[in-house]
């Protein structure tokens, strides 16, 4: 069985996507507007990226900054448009005002996805009760990944939580892949790999020039090398 770790890279456009794939990315998270921490890109962006690369694409479903669902009818409509354009993997996650999962909103959007695979994103790092959130979502169709830093502030603070959750793999609510991202650095990788974590997500780390510049294939390649070395 292959032990290759998954490397997911944020892509804003086809140029990013081509560089990420050239550097060894396994999957892309497609977003727009990083000033708002990543919103849903238009279907034309998905179509252009799909034509440019042949690796997996997960498209963000998020219409405004923050973790409230907002206009759920519009979210469902956007999800349908992306499905019609060929998207078949997604990223989403909504919280209520008290930090509990907005289960009604998540269920409505997931119903529109019709069994597509999806990631619950870093809203989990702002949740009032991570364990309760996981157990509430455990049986939703298509949920196969949690993107998390273990803490709202990033991996440095969240590392103990990540290691604890990795040890619970297979328990109810803990069957999904732990995709680590958010303040992730190369020096975090060996300890996370030793704990059995095998999926990693990078955004700014793939862009030496910052978010105003494109993804760098050499920067992604350095992450690929580190993950492959374990």
Protein backbone atom coordinates (compact mmCIF):
# COMPACT_ATOMS: atom_id res chain seq x y z
CA UNK A 1 0.00 0.00 0.00
CA UNK A 2 1.26 3.49 -0.88
CA UNK A 3 2.17 5.73 2.04
CA UNK A 4 2.45 8.89 -0.08
CA UNK A 5 1.09 11.87 1.82
CA UNK A 6 -1.52 14.07 0.17
CA UNK A 7 -0.41 17.62 -0.63
CA UNK A 8 -3.22 20.10 -1.28
CA UNK A 9 -2.41 23.60 -2.56
CA UNK A 10 -4.67 26.66 -2.79
CA UNK A 11 -5.10 27.84 -6.39
CA UNK A 12 -6.69 31.09 -7.53
CA UNK A 13 -6.37 30.55 -11.28
CA UNK A 14 -5.04 28.25 -13.99
CA UNK A 15 -1.49 29.60 -13.65
CA UNK A 16 -1.45 28.62 -9.99
CA UNK A 17 -2.90 25.24 -10.81
CA UNK A 18 -0.30 24.38 -13.43
CA UNK A 19 2.57 25.39 -11.12
CA UNK A 20 1.12 23.44 -8.20
CA UNK A 21 0.74 20.29 -10.25
CA UNK A 22 4.26 20.69 -11.67
CA UNK A 23 5.58 20.93 -8.11
CA UNK A 24 3.90 17.69 -7.06
CA UNK A 25 0.55 18.72 -5.59
CA UNK A 26 -2.02 15.95 -5.43
CA UNK A 27 -5.07 18.20 -5.11
CA UNK A 28 -6.06 21.84 -5.32
CA UNK A 29 -8.44 23.91 -3.24
CA UNK A 30 -10.03 26.48 -5.56
CA UNK A 31 -10.94 29.86 -4.08
CA UNK A 32 -11.09 33.53 -4.89
CA UNK A 33 -10.56 36.65 -2.73
CA UNK A 34 -7.97 35.66 -0.15
CA UNK A 35 -8.53 39.02 1.55
CA UNK A 36 -11.69 37.31 2.85
CA UNK A 37 -9.79 34.05 3.54
CA UNK A 38 -11.10 32.38 0.39
CA UNK A 39 -14.52 32.57 -1.21
CA UNK A 40 -16.28 30.61 -3.96
CA UNK A 41 -14.73 31.15 -7.39
CA UNK A 42 -16.98 31.61 -10.42
CA UNK A 43 -17.73 28.53 -12.54
CA UNK A 44 -15.56 29.93 -15.37
CA UNK A 45 -12.53 29.79 -13.06
CA UNK A 46 -13.26 26.18 -12.21
CA UNK A 47 -13.66 25.38 -15.92
CA UNK A 48 -10.35 27.03 -16.83
CA UNK A 49 -8.49 25.20 -14.07
CA UNK A 50 -10.13 21.88 -14.92
CA UNK A 51 -8.92 22.28 -18.49
CA UNK A 52 -5.38 23.13 -17.33
CA UNK A 53 -4.64 20.25 -14.91
CA UNK A 54 -5.71 16.68 -14.30
CA UNK A 55 -5.42 16.43 -10.50
CA UNK A 56 -8.33 16.56 -8.04
CA UNK A 57 -10.04 19.92 -7.48
CA UNK A 58 -12.01 20.88 -4.38
CA UNK A 59 -14.07 24.05 -4.81
CA UNK A 60 -14.83 26.36 -1.88
CA UNK A 61 -18.51 27.00 -1.07
CA UNK A 62 -18.37 30.21 0.95
CA UNK A 63 -19.95 33.50 -0.06
CA UNK A 64 -18.67 35.96 2.57
CA UNK A 65 -15.94 36.36 5.15
CA UNK A 66 -16.61 34.55 8.42
CA UNK A 67 -18.25 31.20 9.07
CA UNK A 68 -21.97 32.02 9.00
CA UNK A 69 -23.80 30.36 6.11
CA UNK A 70 -25.55 33.56 5.09
CA UNK A 71 -27.95 33.14 2.16
CA UNK A 72 -28.37 29.37 2.05
CA UNK A 73 -30.61 29.48 -1.03
CA UNK A 74 -27.83 31.27 -2.90
CA UNK A 75 -25.25 28.79 -1.62
CA UNK A 76 -27.35 25.91 -2.91
CA UNK A 77 -27.73 27.66 -6.26
CA UNK A 78 -23.98 28.26 -6.55
CA UNK A 79 -23.29 24.63 -5.68
CA UNK A 80 -25.67 23.56 -8.43
CA UNK A 81 -23.95 25.82 -10.97
CA UNK A 82 -20.56 24.37 -10.10
CA UNK A 83 -21.91 20.82 -10.30
CA UNK A 84 -23.29 21.63 -13.75
CA UNK A 85 -19.83 22.91 -14.75
CA UNK A 86 -18.33 19.55 -13.73
CA UNK A 87 -17.14 20.13 -10.18
CA UNK A 88 -17.35 16.98 -8.09
CA UNK A 89 -15.42 17.80 -4.89
CA UNK A 90 -16.06 20.68 -2.51
CA UNK A 91 -15.02 22.52 0.68
CA UNK A 92 -17.54 24.01 3.11
CA UNK A 93 -18.37 24.58 6.78
CA UNK A 94 -20.83 26.79 8.64
CA UNK A 95 -21.16 27.77 12.29
CA UNK A 96 -23.99 29.36 14.26
CA UNK A 97 -23.63 32.45 16.42
CA UNK A 98 -22.61 30.41 19.48
CA UNK A 99 -19.92 28.45 17.66
CA UNK A 100 -22.03 25.35 17.14
CA UNK A 101 -22.23 23.74 13.72
CA UNK A 102 -25.04 25.12 11.54
CA UNK A 103 -26.28 21.65 10.75
CA UNK A 104 -29.35 22.79 8.82
CA UNK A 105 -27.24 24.86 6.41
CA UNK A 106 -24.62 22.14 5.99
CA UNK A 107 -27.27 19.51 5.31
CA UNK A 108 -29.01 21.66 2.69
CA UNK A 109 -25.81 22.30 0.78
CA UNK A 110 -24.65 18.70 1.05
CA UNK A 111 -27.98 17.51 -0.35
CA UNK A 112 -27.26 19.59 -3.47
CA UNK A 113 -23.86 17.89 -3.80
CA UNK A 114 -25.55 14.52 -4.28
CA UNK A 115 -22.83 12.38 -2.73
CA UNK A 116 -19.78 14.36 -3.91
CA UNK A 117 -16.76 14.19 -1.63
CA UNK A 118 -16.17 17.26 0.52
CA UNK A 119 -13.99 18.80 3.22
CA UNK A 120 -15.26 20.54 6.34
CA UNK A 121 -12.85 23.45 6.50
CA UNK A 122 -11.24 25.44 9.31
CA UNK A 123 -14.57 26.48 10.79
CA UNK A 124 -13.84 23.50 13.05
CA UNK A 125 -11.00 25.55 14.58
CA UNK A 126 -13.54 28.19 15.68
CA UNK A 127 -16.12 25.68 16.93
CA UNK A 128 -17.23 25.80 20.56
CA UNK A 129 -16.93 21.99 20.78
CA UNK A 130 -14.86 20.18 18.14
CA UNK A 131 -15.83 16.74 19.35
CA UNK A 132 -19.55 17.51 19.26
CA UNK A 133 -19.22 18.99 15.78
CA UNK A 134 -17.48 15.88 14.47
CA UNK A 135 -20.12 13.59 15.92
CA UNK A 136 -22.98 15.68 14.52
CA UNK A 137 -21.48 15.54 11.03
CA UNK A 138 -20.21 11.97 11.16
CA UNK A 139 -22.89 10.39 8.98
CA UNK A 140 -23.28 13.09 6.34
CA UNK A 141 -22.74 11.70 2.84
CA UNK A 142 -19.48 12.61 1.15
CA UNK A 143 -17.65 14.07 4.16
CA UNK A 144 -14.17 12.56 4.02
CA UNK A 145 -11.83 15.30 5.32
CA UNK A 146 -11.39 17.95 8.02
CA UNK A 147 -9.08 20.85 7.20
CA UNK A 148 -7.72 22.01 10.54
CA UNK A 149 -4.78 23.60 12.30
CA UNK A 150 -6.02 22.33 15.65
CA UNK A 151 -6.53 25.94 16.83
CA UNK A 152 -7.81 29.20 15.37
CA UNK A 153 -4.34 30.72 15.63
CA UNK A 154 -2.58 27.96 13.70
CA UNK A 155 -0.59 24.76 13.98
CA UNK A 156 1.88 26.05 16.59
CA UNK A 157 -0.90 26.28 19.17
CA UNK A 158 -3.02 23.51 17.71
CA UNK A 159 -0.37 20.79 17.55
CA UNK A 160 -1.48 18.98 20.75
CA UNK A 161 -5.07 18.86 19.45
CA UNK A 162 -3.96 17.54 16.08
CA UNK A 163 -1.91 14.78 17.70
CA UNK A 164 -4.76 13.86 20.04
CA UNK A 165 -7.26 13.67 17.18
CA UNK A 166 -4.86 11.58 15.11
CA UNK A 167 -4.77 9.06 17.94
CA UNK A 168 -8.59 8.82 17.83
CA UNK A 169 -8.71 7.84 14.16
CA UNK A 170 -11.46 5.28 13.61
CA UNK A 171 -13.56 6.31 16.61
CA UNK A 172 -17.10 7.60 15.91
CA UNK A 173 -16.71 11.04 14.35
CA UNK A 174 -13.00 10.50 13.67
CA UNK A 175 -13.08 8.41 10.52
CA UNK A 176 -12.29 11.30 8.19
CA UNK A 177 -8.86 12.33 6.95
CA UNK A 178 -7.09 14.97 9.03
CA UNK A 179 -5.83 17.56 6.51
CA UNK A 180 -3.47 19.88 8.36
CA UNK A 181 -3.25 23.50 7.26
CA UNK A 182 -3.14 26.98 8.74
CA UNK A 183 0.24 28.32 9.83
CA UNK A 184 1.79 25.02 8.73
CA UNK A 185 5.58 25.06 8.28
CA UNK A 186 8.02 22.53 6.94
CA UNK A 187 9.46 21.95 10.42
CA UNK A 188 6.04 20.75 11.61
CA UNK A 189 6.00 17.93 9.07
CA UNK A 190 8.23 15.26 10.66
CA UNK A 191 6.30 15.19 13.95
CA UNK A 192 2.94 15.16 12.18
CA UNK A 193 4.05 12.34 9.88
CA UNK A 194 5.35 10.38 12.88
CA UNK A 195 1.84 10.68 14.36
CA UNK A 196 0.37 9.09 11.24
CA UNK A 197 -1.01 12.29 9.71
CA UNK A 198 -0.82 11.98 5.95
CA UNK A 199 -2.55 15.01 4.42
CA UNK A 200 -1.26 18.60 4.30
CA UNK A 201 -2.63 21.90 2.96
CA UNK A 202 -0.62 24.97 2.00
CA UNK A 203 -1.52 28.41 0.69
CA UNK A 204 0.92 31.22 1.38
CA UNK A 205 3.75 28.70 1.79
CA UNK A 206 3.45 27.97 -1.94
CA UNK A 207 3.87 31.68 -2.80
CA UNK A 208 7.29 33.16 -1.95
CA UNK A 209 6.07 36.53 -3.25
CA UNK A 210 2.97 36.57 -1.08
CA UNK A 211 -0.66 36.42 -2.16
CA UNK A 212 -0.06 39.03 -4.87
CA UNK A 213 2.26 36.57 -6.61
CA UNK A 214 1.61 33.17 -8.19
CA UNK A 215 2.16 29.69 -6.84
CA UNK A 216 5.81 28.67 -7.19
CA UNK A 217 6.46 25.17 -8.54
CA UNK A 218 9.86 25.00 -6.73
CA UNK A 219 8.20 25.96 -3.42
CA UNK A 220 5.61 23.22 -3.85
CA UNK A 221 8.35 20.80 -4.85
CA UNK A 222 10.15 21.46 -1.55
CA UNK A 223 6.98 20.50 0.33
CA UNK A 224 6.60 17.41 -1.83
CA UNK A 225 10.17 16.38 -1.02
CA UNK A 226 9.67 16.88 2.72
CA UNK A 227 6.42 14.89 2.74
CA UNK A 228 7.95 12.07 0.74
CA UNK A 229 10.92 11.88 3.10
CA UNK A 230 8.52 11.71 6.04
